[in-house]
């Protein structure tokens, strides 16, 4: 078991309890990653963002903050 599993569980719980804030943070992280990589990995970043959103219950199934 990872030494961070407790933090991971707590973060997941908080994200599920506060989906709007979690979605904003996830969108910001994806935009940051796109910007820092020069959009070279846009499809991978969007895929990862979608996977996290799905895992957290499906908030913002749209463009992943692009817009």
PDB file of N, CA and C in Angstrom:
ATOM      1  N   UNK A   1       0.846  -1.175   0.000  1.00  0.00           N
ATOM      2  CA  UNK A   1       0.000   0.000   0.000  1.00  0.00           C
ATOM      3  C   UNK A   1       0.893   1.240   0.000  1.00  0.00           C
ATOM      4  N   UNK A   2       0.508   2.208  -0.817  1.00  0.00           N
ATOM      5  CA  UNK A   2       1.271   3.437  -0.946  1.00  0.00           C
ATOM      6  C   UNK A   2       1.149   4.289   0.311  1.00  0.00           C
ATOM      7  N   UNK A   3       2.223   4.981   0.642  1.00  0.00           N
ATOM      8  CA  UNK A   3       2.163   5.877   1.790  1.00  0.00           C
ATOM      9  C   UNK A   3       1.249   7.073   1.520  1.00  0.00           C
ATOM     10  N   UNK A   4       0.859   7.268   0.262  1.00  0.00           N
ATOM     11  CA  UNK A   4      -0.025   8.367  -0.100  1.00  0.00           C
ATOM     12  C   UNK A   4      -1.473   7.929  -0.265  1.00  0.00           C
ATOM     13  N   UNK A   5      -1.783   6.668  -0.011  1.00  0.00           N
ATOM     14  CA  UNK A   5      -3.140   6.184  -0.245  1.00  0.00           C
ATOM     15  C   UNK A   5      -4.164   6.927   0.607  1.00  0.00           C
ATOM     16  N   UNK A   6      -3.811   7.295   1.817  1.00  0.00           N
ATOM     17  CA  UNK A   6      -4.727   8.052   2.664  1.00  0.00           C
ATOM     18  C   UNK A   6      -5.027   9.420   2.073  1.00  0.00           C
ATOM     19  N   UNK A   7      -3.982  10.088   1.572  1.00  0.00           N
ATOM     20  CA  UNK A   7      -4.175  11.387   0.937  1.00  0.00           C
ATOM     21  C   UNK A   7      -4.976  11.258  -0.351  1.00  0.00           C
ATOM     22  N   UNK A   8      -4.710  10.203  -1.102  1.00  0.00           N
ATOM     23  CA  UNK A   8      -5.443   9.966  -2.341  1.00  0.00           C
ATOM     24  C   UNK A   8      -6.926   9.775  -2.061  1.00  0.00           C
ATOM     25  N   UNK A   9      -7.240   8.979  -1.051  1.00  0.00           N
ATOM     26  CA  UNK A   9      -8.640   8.743  -0.691  1.00  0.00           C
ATOM     27  C   UNK A   9      -9.314  10.026  -0.219  1.00  0.00           C
ATOM     28  N   UNK A  10      -8.600  10.816   0.564  1.00  0.00           N
ATOM     29  CA  UNK A  10      -9.155  12.076   1.048  1.00  0.00           C
ATOM     30  C   UNK A  10      -9.396  13.052  -0.105  1.00  0.00           C
ATOM     31  N   UNK A  11      -8.439  13.139  -1.015  1.00  0.00           N
ATOM     32  CA  UNK A  11      -8.593  14.024  -2.171  1.00  0.00           C
ATOM     33  C   UNK A  11      -9.771  13.594  -3.042  1.00  0.00           C
ATOM     34  N   UNK A  12      -9.911  12.298  -3.253  1.00  0.00           N
ATOM     35  CA  UNK A  12     -11.027  11.800  -4.052  1.00  0.00           C
ATOM     36  C   UNK A  12     -12.354  12.117  -3.368  1.00  0.00           C
ATOM     37  N   UNK A  13     -12.418  11.942  -2.076  1.00  0.00           N
ATOM     38  CA  UNK A  13     -13.633  12.237  -1.326  1.00  0.00           C
ATOM     39  C   UNK A  13     -13.985  13.716  -1.416  1.00  0.00           C
ATOM     40  N   UNK A  14     -12.996  14.577  -1.245  1.00  0.00           N
ATOM     41  CA  UNK A  14     -13.236  16.023  -1.342  1.00  0.00           C
ATOM     42  C   UNK A  14     -13.679  16.412  -2.752  1.00  0.00           C
ATOM     43  N   UNK A  15     -13.069  15.811  -3.762  1.00  0.00           N
ATOM     44  CA  UNK A  15     -13.446  16.118  -5.139  1.00  0.00           C
ATOM     45  C   UNK A  15     -14.885  15.707  -5.417  1.00  0.00           C
ATOM     46  N   UNK A  16     -15.295  14.562  -4.884  1.00  0.00           N
ATOM     47  CA  UNK A  16     -16.668  14.113  -5.080  1.00  0.00           C
ATOM     48  C   UNK A  16     -17.659  14.973  -4.299  1.00  0.00           C
ATOM     49  N   UNK A  17     -17.233  15.487  -3.150  1.00  0.00           N
ATOM     50  CA  UNK A  17     -18.095  16.352  -2.347  1.00  0.00           C
ATOM     51  C   UNK A  17     -18.206  17.759  -2.930  1.00  0.00           C
ATOM     52  N   UNK A  18     -17.212  18.172  -3.692  1.00  0.00           N
ATOM     53  CA  UNK A  18     -17.162  19.527  -4.259  1.00  0.00           C
ATOM     54  C   UNK A  18     -16.833  19.448  -5.754  1.00  0.00           C
ATOM     55  N   UNK A  19     -17.750  18.908  -6.563  1.00  0.00           N
ATOM     56  CA  UNK A  19     -17.447  18.655  -7.977  1.00  0.00           C
ATOM     57  C   UNK A  19     -17.135  19.908  -8.796  1.00  0.00           C
ATOM     58  N   UNK A  20     -17.757  21.031  -8.478  1.00  0.00           N
ATOM     59  CA  UNK A  20     -17.482  22.236  -9.263  1.00  0.00           C
ATOM     60  C   UNK A  20     -16.043  22.709  -9.067  1.00  0.00           C
ATOM     61  N   UNK A  21     -15.591  22.720  -7.813  1.00  0.00           N
ATOM     62  CA  UNK A  21     -14.214  23.134  -7.552  1.00  0.00           C
ATOM     63  C   UNK A  21     -13.232  22.134  -8.155  1.00  0.00           C
ATOM     64  N   UNK A  22     -13.533  20.850  -8.050  1.00  0.00           N
ATOM     65  CA  UNK A  22     -12.654  19.827  -8.617  1.00  0.00           C
ATOM     66  C   UNK A  22     -12.565  19.982 -10.129  1.00  0.00           C
ATOM     67  N   UNK A  23     -13.700  20.258 -10.758  1.00  0.00           N
ATOM     68  CA  UNK A  23     -13.716  20.428 -12.209  1.00  0.00           C
ATOM     69  C   UNK A  23     -12.902  21.645 -12.635  1.00  0.00           C
ATOM     70  N   UNK A  24     -13.040  22.742 -11.885  1.00  0.00           N
ATOM     71  CA  UNK A  24     -12.252  23.940 -12.191  1.00  0.00           C
ATOM     72  C   UNK A  24     -10.756  23.647 -12.087  1.00  0.00           C
ATOM     73  N   UNK A  25     -10.369  22.945 -11.027  1.00  0.00           N
ATOM     74  CA  UNK A  25      -8.963  22.606 -10.836  1.00  0.00           C
ATOM     75  C   UNK A  25      -8.438  21.679 -11.919  1.00  0.00           C
ATOM     76  N   UNK A  26      -9.256  20.716 -12.291  1.00  0.00           N
ATOM     77  CA  UNK A  26      -8.868  19.778 -13.345  1.00  0.00           C
ATOM     78  C   UNK A  26      -8.725  20.496 -14.682  1.00  0.00           C
ATOM     79  N   UNK A  27      -9.664  21.384 -14.995  1.00  0.00           N
ATOM     80  CA  UNK A  27      -9.578  22.166 -16.227  1.00  0.00           C
ATOM     81  C   UNK A  27      -8.320  23.030 -16.241  1.00  0.00           C
ATOM     82  N   UNK A  28      -8.041  23.680 -15.107  1.00  0.00           N
ATOM     83  CA  UNK A  28      -6.856  24.532 -15.012  1.00  0.00           C
ATOM     84  C   UNK A  28      -5.575  23.714 -15.189  1.00  0.00           C
ATOM     85  N   UNK A  29      -5.545  22.533 -14.589  1.00  0.00           N
ATOM     86  CA  UNK A  29      -4.362  21.674 -14.723  1.00  0.00           C
ATOM     87  C   UNK A  29      -4.173  21.226 -16.171  1.00  0.00           C
ATOM     88  N   UNK A  30      -5.261  20.889 -16.837  1.00  0.00           N
ATOM     89  CA  UNK A  30      -5.172  20.469 -18.236  1.00  0.00           C
ATOM     90  C   UNK A  30      -4.701  21.623 -19.120  1.00  0.00           C
ATOM     91  N   UNK A  31      -5.234  22.814 -18.887  1.00  0.00           N
ATOM     92  CA  UNK A  31      -4.810  23.984 -19.659  1.00  0.00           C
ATOM     93  C   UNK A  31      -3.337  24.296 -19.407  1.00  0.00           C
ATOM     94  N   UNK A  32      -2.904  24.177 -18.162  1.00  0.00           N
ATOM     95  CA  UNK A  32      -1.499  24.394 -17.825  1.00  0.00           C
ATOM     96  C   UNK A  32      -0.617  23.391 -18.568  1.00  0.00           C
ATOM     97  N   UNK A  33      -1.008  22.125 -18.527  1.00  0.00           N
ATOM     98  CA  UNK A  33      -0.222  21.089 -19.199  1.00  0.00           C
ATOM     99  C   UNK A  33      -0.164  21.338 -20.705  1.00  0.00           C
ATOM    100  N   UNK A  34      -1.287  21.709 -21.299  1.00  0.00           N
ATOM    101  CA  UNK A  34      -1.302  22.030 -22.734  1.00  0.00           C
ATOM    102  C   UNK A  34      -0.346  23.178 -23.040  1.00  0.00           C
ATOM    103  N   UNK A  35      -0.443  24.221 -22.241  1.00  0.00           N
ATOM    104  CA  UNK A  35       0.390  25.413 -22.455  1.00  0.00           C
ATOM    105  C   UNK A  35       1.876  25.075 -22.301  1.00  0.00           C
ATOM    106  N   UNK A  36       2.214  24.332 -21.260  1.00  0.00           N
ATOM    107  CA  UNK A  36       3.616  24.021 -20.985  1.00  0.00           C
ATOM    108  C   UNK A  36       4.228  23.057 -21.997  1.00  0.00           C
ATOM    109  N   UNK A  37       3.400  22.239 -22.633  1.00  0.00           N
ATOM    110  CA  UNK A  37       3.913  21.292 -23.626  1.00  0.00           C
ATOM    111  C   UNK A  37       3.735  21.796 -25.047  1.00  0.00           C
ATOM    112  N   UNK A  38       3.290  23.037 -25.187  1.00  0.00           N
ATOM    113  CA  UNK A  38       3.077  23.581 -26.518  1.00  0.00           C
ATOM    114  C   UNK A  38       1.986  22.841 -27.276  1.00  0.00           C
ATOM    115  N   UNK A  39       1.021  22.322 -26.568  1.00  0.00           N
ATOM    116  CA  UNK A  39      -0.102  21.560 -27.137  1.00  0.00           C
ATOM    117  C   UNK A  39       0.344  20.315 -27.908  1.00  0.00           C
ATOM    118  N   UNK A  40       1.549  19.839 -27.639  1.00  0.00           N
ATOM    119  CA  UNK A  40       2.046  18.641 -28.328  1.00  0.00           C
ATOM    120  C   UNK A  40       1.312  17.378 -27.891  1.00  0.00           C
ATOM    121  N   UNK A  41       0.769  17.387 -26.694  1.00  0.00           N
ATOM    122  CA  UNK A  41       0.136  16.191 -26.141  1.00  0.00           C
ATOM    123  C   UNK A  41      -1.328  16.436 -25.819  1.00  0.00           C
ATOM    124  N   UNK A  42      -1.976  17.274 -26.628  1.00  0.00           N
ATOM    125  CA  UNK A  42      -3.353  17.677 -26.385  1.00  0.00           C
ATOM    126  C   UNK A  42      -4.291  16.482 -26.247  1.00  0.00           C
ATOM    127  N   UNK A  43      -4.204  15.519 -27.146  1.00  0.00           N
ATOM    128  CA  UNK A  43      -5.134  14.381 -27.084  1.00  0.00           C
ATOM    129  C   UNK A  43      -4.880  13.527 -25.844  1.00  0.00           C
ATOM    130  N   UNK A  44      -3.630  13.371 -25.455  1.00  0.00           N
ATOM    131  CA  UNK A  44      -3.318  12.600 -24.253  1.00  0.00           C
ATOM    132  C   UNK A  44      -3.814  13.313 -22.994  1.00  0.00           C
ATOM    133  N   UNK A  45      -3.629  14.632 -22.964  1.00  0.00           N
ATOM    134  CA  UNK A  45      -4.072  15.418 -21.811  1.00  0.00           C
ATOM    135  C   UNK A  45      -5.589  15.379 -21.710  1.00  0.00           C
ATOM    136  N   UNK A  46      -6.290  15.554 -22.824  1.00  0.00           N
ATOM    137  CA  UNK A  46      -7.749  15.490 -22.806  1.00  0.00           C
ATOM    138  C   UNK A  46      -8.224  14.104 -22.399  1.00  0.00           C
ATOM    139  N   UNK A  47      -7.531  13.071 -22.856  1.00  0.00           N
ATOM    140  CA  UNK A  47      -7.895  11.708 -22.473  1.00  0.00           C
ATOM    141  C   UNK A  47      -7.741  11.479 -20.979  1.00  0.00           C
ATOM    142  N   UNK A  48      -6.653  11.973 -20.423  1.00  0.00           N
ATOM    143  CA  UNK A  48      -6.428  11.842 -18.980  1.00  0.00           C
ATOM    144  C   UNK A  48      -7.467  12.636 -18.198  1.00  0.00           C
ATOM    145  N   UNK A  49      -7.761  13.834 -18.663  1.00  0.00           N
ATOM    146  CA  UNK A  49      -8.770  14.657 -17.999  1.00  0.00           C
ATOM    147  C   UNK A  49     -10.124  13.959 -18.032  1.00  0.00           C
ATOM    148  N   UNK A  50     -10.479  13.391 -19.172  1.00  0.00           N
ATOM    149  CA  UNK A  50     -11.742  12.667 -19.284  1.00  0.00           C
ATOM    150  C   UNK A  50     -11.801  11.457 -18.374  1.00  0.00           C
ATOM    151  N   UNK A  51     -10.686  10.753 -18.248  1.00  0.00           N
ATOM    152  CA  UNK A  51     -10.645   9.582 -17.369  1.00  0.00           C
ATOM    153  C   UNK A  51     -10.849   9.971 -15.912  1.00  0.00           C
ATOM    154  N   UNK A  52     -10.233  11.068 -15.503  1.00  0.00           N
ATOM    155  CA  UNK A  52     -10.401  11.533 -14.124  1.00  0.00           C
ATOM    156  C   UNK A  52     -11.841  11.972 -13.900  1.00  0.00           C
ATOM    157  N   UNK A  53     -12.398  12.720 -14.843  1.00  0.00           N
ATOM    158  CA  UNK A  53     -13.786  13.166 -14.712  1.00  0.00           C
ATOM    159  C   UNK A  53     -14.738  11.978 -14.609  1.00  0.00           C
ATOM    160  N   UNK A  54     -14.500  10.957 -15.421  1.00  0.00           N
ATOM    161  CA  UNK A  54     -15.336   9.765 -15.384  1.00  0.00           C
ATOM    162  C   UNK A  54     -15.225   9.084 -14.020  1.00  0.00           C
ATOM    163  N   UNK A  55     -14.006   8.986 -13.519  1.00  0.00           N
ATOM    164  CA  UNK A  55     -13.778   8.356 -12.226  1.00  0.00           C
ATOM    165  C   UNK A  55     -14.452   9.120 -11.088  1.00  0.00           C
ATOM    166  N   UNK A  56     -14.523  10.447 -11.232  1.00  0.00           N
ATOM    167  CA  UNK A  56     -15.116  11.272 -10.187  1.00  0.00           C
ATOM    168  C   UNK A  56     -16.626  11.427 -10.333  1.00  0.00           C
ATOM    169  N   UNK A  57     -17.198  10.821 -11.344  1.00  0.00           N
ATOM    170  CA  UNK A  57     -18.644  10.863 -11.465  1.00  0.00           C
ATOM    171  C   UNK A  57     -19.175  11.581 -12.671  1.00  0.00           C
ATOM    172  N   UNK A  58     -18.317  11.931 -13.589  1.00  0.00           N
ATOM    173  CA  UNK A  58     -18.774  12.427 -14.876  1.00  0.00           C
ATOM    174  C   UNK A  58     -19.085  13.901 -14.990  1.00  0.00           C
ATOM    175  N   UNK A  59     -18.563  14.756 -14.121  1.00  0.00           N
ATOM    176  CA  UNK A  59     -18.827  16.162 -14.310  1.00  0.00           C
ATOM    177  C   UNK A  59     -18.098  16.675 -15.554  1.00  0.00           C
ATOM    178  N   UNK A  60     -18.711  17.661 -16.222  1.00  0.00           N
ATOM    179  CA  UNK A  60     -18.130  18.329 -17.378  1.00  0.00           C
ATOM    180  C   UNK A  60     -17.621  17.355 -18.435  1.00  0.00           C
ATOM    181  N   UNK A  61     -18.512  16.607 -19.025  1.00  0.00           N
ATOM    182  CA  UNK A  61     -18.134  15.652 -20.057  1.00  0.00           C
ATOM    183  C   UNK A  61     -17.929  16.323 -21.414  1.00  0.00           C
ATOM    184  N   UNK A  62     -17.914  17.634 -21.441  1.00  0.00           N
ATOM    185  CA  UNK A  62     -17.771  18.387 -22.684  1.00  0.00           C
ATOM    186  C   UNK A  62     -16.350  18.458 -23.171  1.00  0.00           C
ATOM    187  N   UNK A  63     -15.891  19.682 -23.414  1.00  0.00           N
ATOM    188  CA  UNK A  63     -14.603  19.912 -24.049  1.00  0.00           C
ATOM    189  C   UNK A  63     -13.436  19.942 -23.073  1.00  0.00           C
ATOM    190  N   UNK A  64     -13.618  19.600 -21.847  1.00  0.00           N
ATOM    191  CA  UNK A  64     -12.506  19.578 -20.907  1.00  0.00           C
ATOM    192  C   UNK A  64     -11.907  20.937 -20.647  1.00  0.00           C
ATOM    193  N   UNK A  65     -12.773  21.960 -20.586  1.00  0.00           N
ATOM    194  CA  UNK A  65     -12.288  23.293 -20.278  1.00  0.00           C
ATOM    195  C   UNK A  65     -11.776  24.050 -21.473  1.00  0.00           C
ATOM    196  N   UNK A  66     -11.880  23.503 -22.651  1.00  0.00           N
ATOM    197  CA  UNK A  66     -11.427  24.184 -23.843  1.00  0.00           C
ATOM    198  C   UNK A  66     -12.541  25.069 -24.353  1.00  0.00           C
ATOM    199  N   UNK A  67     -12.459  26.371 -24.076  1.00  0.00           N
ATOM    200  CA  UNK A  67     -13.502  27.226 -24.599  1.00  0.00           C
ATOM    201  C   UNK A  67     -13.778  28.402 -23.825  1.00  0.00           C
TER     202      UNK A  67
END
